[in-house]
């Protein structure tokens, strides 16, 4: 694993993975290639000495072919949460098809892919079904694939608890669709470490039962929360606790529709609401983070470090949790 191509390396999970990949660099002198449409947007990972940033559009088949060539593995983190069926297929399926063709043409066999908990062909949302379709392309490719399925991911720079905290600092009450849906939030640092460990397992051992090849792992935290409880926790920790009122299905759908119509990236869409028709918790049928040597951190241990009073940023969280692994 001397050279690893990281698609989506400048995103939320990607930034944390690139930082933790220093472990790979220390062990094997591994270098990461991180393509981005705008290198300037990848400022968080620019200082990392083992990262090579390149400007490229990974959705262009020819560009992707050139990027894949010469690497030992590909880590795919590219995903969207909102969009039309066409948009979801473009990102979650068509990109995977292009990646598989590029790997097959260039002789690169190893792919580590981040999917999503709840991915299934018969899932209620377009997002979940497109994630399942992307997984099917990978598992049918004949390549050495490992898939990680995280629940909702939290961390100092997340768009989960921080969003709920910000909304409660503005509004006197929180009407909430899908209030009773259960989630099993996982810390972004644990997800990033899982990706590193997946690559280390294959590199360090050829023992069959220790290999991560052709396995699917569920990445979940130790505790389960209803969405309403997550919102309440974000409000309490940030000092802006507000009453949270669960909405019936019809009103929840109307709320999501209005949010879709608002300018900018929607806070919630009707497809998000469809995803919440099923709980987002570990199935118990697949190995979890413990199988990768990780004892996942609890939300209640980490969230106060960045939502509580005082400077709550990513650096502070990392300092206070240093050496946990």
Protein backbone atom coordinates (compact mmCIF):
# COMPACT_ATOMS: atom_id res chain seq x y z
CA UNK A 1 0.00 0.00 0.00
CA UNK A 2 2.57 2.56 -1.11
CA UNK A 3 0.06 4.73 -3.01
CA UNK A 4 -3.63 5.14 -2.19
CA UNK A 5 -6.11 7.19 -4.20
CA UNK A 6 -8.75 8.84 -1.99
CA UNK A 7 -11.93 10.00 -3.70
CA UNK A 8 -13.81 12.50 -1.53
CA UNK A 9 -10.75 13.10 0.62
CA UNK A 10 -11.61 16.75 1.24
CA UNK A 11 -15.03 15.95 2.74
CA UNK A 12 -16.02 15.49 6.38
CA UNK A 13 -14.94 11.85 6.78
CA UNK A 14 -12.21 12.25 4.17
CA UNK A 15 -10.36 14.96 6.08
CA UNK A 16 -10.21 12.81 9.19
CA UNK A 17 -9.12 9.75 7.23
CA UNK A 18 -6.32 11.70 5.53
CA UNK A 19 -5.04 12.82 8.92
CA UNK A 20 -5.15 9.31 10.40
CA UNK A 21 -3.46 7.91 7.28
CA UNK A 22 -0.27 9.26 8.81
CA UNK A 23 -0.23 5.84 10.51
CA UNK A 24 0.06 4.21 7.09
CA UNK A 25 2.75 6.66 6.09
CA UNK A 26 4.73 5.94 9.25
CA UNK A 27 4.47 2.18 8.78
CA UNK A 28 4.90 1.84 5.01
CA UNK A 29 5.78 5.30 3.68
CA UNK A 30 2.32 5.38 2.12
CA UNK A 31 1.28 8.46 0.14
CA UNK A 32 -2.27 9.56 -0.56
CA UNK A 33 -3.45 11.13 -3.81
CA UNK A 34 -6.52 13.30 -3.20
CA UNK A 35 -8.24 14.75 -6.28
CA UNK A 36 -10.46 17.80 -5.94
CA UNK A 37 -12.24 20.03 -8.41
CA UNK A 38 -10.87 23.00 -6.50
CA UNK A 39 -7.64 22.39 -4.63
CA UNK A 40 -8.25 25.57 -2.62
CA UNK A 41 -11.28 23.91 -1.01
CA UNK A 42 -9.07 21.19 0.47
CA UNK A 43 -7.23 23.53 2.84
CA UNK A 44 -7.69 21.21 5.82
CA UNK A 45 -5.50 18.50 4.31
CA UNK A 46 -3.03 20.66 2.35
CA UNK A 47 -0.47 20.75 5.21
CA UNK A 48 -0.31 16.95 5.53
CA UNK A 49 3.10 15.89 4.13
CA UNK A 50 1.86 12.47 2.96
CA UNK A 51 -0.98 13.94 0.87
CA UNK A 52 -0.66 14.91 -2.79
CA UNK A 53 -3.53 17.15 -3.89
CA UNK A 54 -4.41 17.18 -7.58
CA UNK A 55 -7.08 19.13 -9.43
CA UNK A 56 -9.38 16.75 -11.28
CA UNK A 57 -13.01 15.83 -11.88
CA UNK A 58 -13.44 12.23 -10.69
CA UNK A 59 -16.74 11.93 -12.53
CA UNK A 60 -14.91 12.22 -15.86
CA UNK A 61 -14.11 8.66 -16.94
CA UNK A 62 -10.84 9.47 -18.69
CA UNK A 63 -9.60 11.57 -15.77
CA UNK A 64 -10.53 8.84 -13.30
CA UNK A 65 -8.66 6.25 -15.37
CA UNK A 66 -5.50 8.38 -15.22
CA UNK A 67 -5.91 8.93 -11.49
CA UNK A 68 -6.35 5.24 -10.66
CA UNK A 69 -3.33 4.10 -12.69
CA UNK A 70 -0.25 3.47 -10.57
CA UNK A 71 -2.05 3.19 -7.23
CA UNK A 72 -2.26 0.17 -4.96
CA UNK A 73 -5.74 0.89 -3.59
CA UNK A 74 -8.68 3.28 -3.87
CA UNK A 75 -10.73 4.61 -0.96
CA UNK A 76 -14.09 6.00 -2.09
CA UNK A 77 -15.86 8.50 0.16
CA UNK A 78 -17.84 10.42 -2.45
CA UNK A 79 -21.52 10.79 -1.52
CA UNK A 80 -24.44 13.22 -1.43
CA UNK A 81 -27.33 13.38 1.05
CA UNK A 82 -29.80 15.40 -1.04
CA UNK A 83 -30.81 15.21 -4.67
CA UNK A 84 -33.00 13.73 -7.35
CA UNK A 85 -32.94 10.10 -8.44
CA UNK A 86 -30.68 11.13 -11.33
CA UNK A 87 -28.27 12.91 -8.97
CA UNK A 88 -28.10 9.97 -6.56
CA UNK A 89 -27.45 7.53 -9.39
CA UNK A 90 -24.77 9.80 -10.85
CA UNK A 91 -22.81 9.91 -7.59
CA UNK A 92 -23.58 6.58 -5.93
CA UNK A 93 -23.83 4.26 -8.92
CA UNK A 94 -22.36 5.70 -12.11
CA UNK A 95 -19.18 6.85 -10.37
CA UNK A 96 -18.75 3.34 -8.93
CA UNK A 97 -19.18 1.87 -12.39
CA UNK A 98 -16.50 4.18 -13.76
CA UNK A 99 -14.22 3.35 -10.84
CA UNK A 100 -14.61 -0.40 -11.35
CA UNK A 101 -13.82 -0.06 -15.06
CA UNK A 102 -10.76 2.05 -14.27
CA UNK A 103 -9.50 -0.46 -11.69
CA UNK A 104 -10.04 -3.40 -14.01
CA UNK A 105 -8.27 -1.63 -16.87
CA UNK A 106 -5.25 -0.57 -14.78
CA UNK A 107 -4.87 -3.68 -12.63
CA UNK A 108 -5.78 -2.03 -9.32
CA UNK A 109 -7.66 -4.63 -7.27
CA UNK A 110 -8.17 -3.05 -3.85
CA UNK A 111 -11.17 -0.80 -3.15
CA UNK A 112 -12.41 0.38 0.25
CA UNK A 113 -15.85 1.96 -0.04
CA UNK A 114 -17.92 3.93 2.46
CA UNK A 115 -21.62 3.21 1.95
CA UNK A 116 -24.40 3.81 4.50
CA UNK A 117 -26.25 1.92 7.17
CA UNK A 118 -29.66 1.01 5.81
CA UNK A 119 -28.50 0.56 2.22
CA UNK A 120 -30.88 -1.94 0.64
CA UNK A 121 -32.53 -2.51 -2.72
CA UNK A 122 -35.97 -2.34 -1.08
CA UNK A 123 -35.19 0.60 1.23
CA UNK A 124 -37.75 3.42 1.43
CA UNK A 125 -35.51 6.25 0.17
CA UNK A 126 -33.75 6.99 -3.11
CA UNK A 127 -30.54 7.65 -1.14
CA UNK A 128 -30.53 4.22 0.49
CA UNK A 129 -31.47 2.38 -2.71
CA UNK A 130 -28.75 4.15 -4.71
CA UNK A 131 -26.20 3.25 -2.03
CA UNK A 132 -27.27 -0.39 -2.32
CA UNK A 133 -26.98 -0.26 -6.11
CA UNK A 134 -23.43 1.07 -5.80
CA UNK A 135 -22.56 -1.73 -3.40
CA UNK A 136 -23.94 -4.28 -5.89
CA UNK A 137 -21.64 -2.94 -8.61
CA UNK A 138 -18.64 -3.36 -6.31
CA UNK A 139 -19.49 -6.81 -4.98
CA UNK A 140 -20.10 -8.06 -8.51
CA UNK A 141 -16.84 -6.65 -9.86
CA UNK A 142 -14.54 -9.49 -8.79
CA UNK A 143 -12.21 -6.93 -7.18
CA UNK A 144 -10.91 -7.00 -3.60
CA UNK A 145 -13.59 -4.83 -2.02
CA UNK A 146 -14.33 -3.89 1.59
CA UNK A 147 -17.47 -1.91 2.42
CA UNK A 148 -18.05 0.20 5.54
CA UNK A 149 -21.61 1.18 6.45
CA UNK A 150 -21.70 4.00 9.03
CA UNK A 151 -24.74 5.27 10.88
CA UNK A 152 -25.04 9.06 11.19
CA UNK A 153 -21.56 10.49 11.80
CA UNK A 154 -20.85 13.11 14.46
CA UNK A 155 -17.77 15.17 15.22
CA UNK A 156 -16.53 18.67 15.92
CA UNK A 157 -17.22 19.88 12.37
CA UNK A 158 -20.35 17.79 11.74
CA UNK A 159 -23.61 18.89 10.14
CA UNK A 160 -25.67 16.92 12.65
CA UNK A 161 -25.45 18.13 16.25
CA UNK A 162 -24.00 21.49 15.23
CA UNK A 163 -27.01 22.09 13.00
CA UNK A 164 -29.49 21.21 15.74
CA UNK A 165 -27.61 23.44 18.17
CA UNK A 166 -27.63 26.38 15.73
CA UNK A 167 -31.35 26.01 15.00
CA UNK A 168 -32.17 26.04 18.71
CA UNK A 169 -30.14 29.20 19.18
CA UNK A 170 -32.52 30.91 16.74
CA UNK A 171 -35.97 29.33 17.15
CA UNK A 172 -38.01 29.17 20.37
CA UNK A 173 -39.41 25.72 19.59
CA UNK A 174 -38.25 22.78 17.44
CA UNK A 175 -40.96 21.07 15.34
CA UNK A 176 -39.38 17.80 14.22
CA UNK A 177 -40.27 15.26 11.56
CA UNK A 178 -39.19 11.67 12.19
CA UNK A 179 -38.75 12.40 15.89
CA UNK A 180 -39.00 8.75 16.97
CA UNK A 181 -36.59 7.30 14.41
CA UNK A 182 -33.66 5.61 16.14
CA UNK A 183 -30.03 6.26 15.25
CA UNK A 184 -26.72 4.84 16.46
CA UNK A 185 -24.34 7.80 15.95
CA UNK A 186 -20.68 7.04 15.31
CA UNK A 187 -17.72 9.37 15.90
CA UNK A 188 -15.98 10.50 12.71
CA UNK A 189 -12.60 9.64 14.24
CA UNK A 190 -13.77 6.03 14.70
CA UNK A 191 -14.92 5.85 11.09
CA UNK A 192 -11.57 7.24 9.90
CA UNK A 193 -9.66 4.79 12.10
CA UNK A 194 -11.78 1.93 10.76
CA UNK A 195 -10.70 2.79 7.21
CA UNK A 196 -7.05 2.85 8.28
CA UNK A 197 -7.43 -0.47 10.10
CA UNK A 198 -9.10 -2.06 7.07
CA UNK A 199 -6.06 -1.18 4.99
CA UNK A 200 -3.63 -2.20 7.74
CA UNK A 201 -5.28 -5.59 8.22
CA UNK A 202 -4.69 -6.61 4.63
CA UNK A 203 -1.21 -5.12 4.56
CA UNK A 204 0.01 -6.62 7.83
CA UNK A 205 -1.45 -10.10 7.67
CA UNK A 206 -2.22 -12.71 5.07
CA UNK A 207 -4.12 -14.84 7.59
CA UNK A 208 -7.46 -15.54 5.95
CA UNK A 209 -9.65 -14.93 9.00
CA UNK A 210 -7.89 -11.64 9.65
CA UNK A 211 -8.41 -10.28 6.15
CA UNK A 212 -10.97 -7.57 5.51
CA UNK A 213 -11.36 -8.48 1.84
CA UNK A 214 -14.93 -8.95 0.59
CA UNK A 215 -16.38 -8.04 3.99
CA UNK A 216 -19.05 -5.52 4.95
CA UNK A 217 -18.72 -3.77 8.31
CA UNK A 218 -21.32 -1.72 10.16
CA UNK A 219 -19.86 1.37 11.83
CA UNK A 220 -22.02 2.35 14.78
CA UNK A 221 -21.52 3.95 18.17
CA UNK A 222 -22.27 2.19 21.46
CA UNK A 223 -25.61 3.92 22.12
CA UNK A 224 -28.96 4.29 20.36
CA UNK A 225 -30.92 7.55 20.40
CA UNK A 226 -34.22 8.72 18.99
CA UNK A 227 -33.84 11.74 16.73
CA UNK A 228 -35.76 13.78 19.30
CA UNK A 229 -33.18 12.84 21.95
CA UNK A 230 -30.31 13.92 19.68
CA UNK A 231 -31.93 17.31 19.15
CA UNK A 232 -32.54 17.72 22.87
CA UNK A 233 -28.93 16.75 23.65
CA UNK A 234 -27.58 19.29 21.14
CA UNK A 235 -29.72 22.01 22.66
CA UNK A 236 -28.77 21.17 26.23
CA UNK A 237 -25.02 20.99 25.55
CA UNK A 238 -25.00 24.24 23.57
CA UNK A 239 -27.01 26.10 26.19
CA UNK A 240 -30.03 26.62 23.92
CA UNK A 241 -32.44 23.92 25.00
CA UNK A 242 -35.84 24.29 23.36
CA UNK A 243 -39.07 22.26 23.44
CA UNK A 244 -38.97 19.57 20.72
CA UNK A 245 -42.34 18.72 19.20
CA UNK A 246 -42.65 15.60 17.07
CA UNK A 247 -44.71 16.13 13.92
CA UNK A 248 -47.19 13.63 12.47
CA UNK A 249 -46.29 12.15 9.08
CA UNK A 250 -48.35 14.57 6.96
CA UNK A 251 -46.99 17.69 8.67
CA UNK A 252 -43.47 16.25 8.61
CA UNK A 253 -43.71 15.74 4.85
CA UNK A 254 -44.98 19.31 4.42
CA UNK A 255 -42.08 20.63 6.54
CA UNK A 256 -39.59 18.70 4.42
CA UNK A 257 -41.16 20.06 1.23
CA UNK A 258 -40.80 23.66 2.44
CA UNK A 259 -37.17 22.98 3.38
CA UNK A 260 -36.51 21.60 -0.11
CA UNK A 261 -37.88 24.78 -1.65
CA UNK A 262 -35.69 27.07 0.47
CA UNK A 263 -32.57 28.46 -1.23
CA UNK A 264 -29.27 26.70 -0.68
CA UNK A 265 -28.62 23.19 0.59
CA UNK A 266 -31.82 21.88 2.25
CA UNK A 267 -31.75 21.06 5.96
CA UNK A 268 -34.09 18.17 5.27
CA UNK A 269 -35.74 16.68 2.19
CA UNK A 270 -38.67 14.35 1.66
CA UNK A 271 -36.16 11.67 0.70
CA UNK A 272 -34.41 12.17 4.06
CA UNK A 273 -37.78 11.69 5.68
CA UNK A 274 -38.29 8.49 3.69
CA UNK A 275 -34.95 7.24 5.03
CA UNK A 276 -36.29 7.72 8.55
CA UNK A 277 -39.12 5.28 7.97
CA UNK A 278 -36.66 2.63 9.16
CA UNK A 279 -34.36 2.82 12.18
CA UNK A 280 -30.70 3.54 11.44
CA UNK A 281 -29.13 1.06 13.86
CA UNK A 282 -26.83 -1.95 13.59
CA UNK A 283 -28.47 -5.06 12.21
CA UNK A 284 -26.41 -7.44 14.35
CA UNK A 285 -25.88 -9.63 11.29
CA UNK A 286 -22.62 -8.05 10.18
CA UNK A 287 -19.31 -7.36 11.98
CA UNK A 288 -18.92 -3.96 13.57
CA UNK A 289 -16.09 -1.67 14.58
CA UNK A 290 -14.98 -4.10 17.29
CA UNK A 291 -14.02 -6.57 14.55
CA UNK A 292 -11.60 -3.90 13.33
CA UNK A 293 -10.04 -3.43 16.75
CA UNK A 294 -12.02 -0.30 17.66
CA UNK A 295 -14.08 0.33 20.78
CA UNK A 296 -16.35 3.13 19.53
CA UNK A 297 -16.56 6.33 21.55
CA UNK A 298 -19.90 7.42 22.93
CA UNK A 299 -21.66 10.55 21.77
CA UNK A 300 -21.99 11.72 25.36
CA UNK A 301 -18.23 11.53 25.87
CA UNK A 302 -17.30 13.52 22.74
CA UNK A 303 -20.14 15.96 22.01
CA UNK A 304 -19.65 18.10 25.16
CA UNK A 305 -16.09 18.83 24.00
CA UNK A 306 -17.31 20.78 20.97
CA UNK A 307 -20.88 21.78 21.79
CA UNK A 308 -20.26 22.92 25.35
CA UNK A 309 -19.21 26.42 26.44
CA UNK A 310 -15.78 27.62 25.35
CA UNK A 311 -13.78 27.06 22.18
CA UNK A 312 -15.12 23.80 20.80
CA UNK A 313 -13.19 22.96 17.67
CA UNK A 314 -11.68 19.91 16.02
CA UNK A 315 -8.20 20.58 17.40
CA UNK A 316 -9.50 20.73 20.96
CA UNK A 317 -11.40 17.47 20.58
CA UNK A 318 -8.36 15.70 19.16
CA UNK A 319 -6.12 16.97 21.94
CA UNK A 320 -8.51 15.86 24.64
CA UNK A 321 -8.93 12.39 23.10
CA UNK A 322 -5.31 11.85 22.01
CA UNK A 323 -3.95 8.39 22.57
CA UNK A 324 -7.38 6.76 22.85
CA UNK A 325 -6.61 4.28 20.08
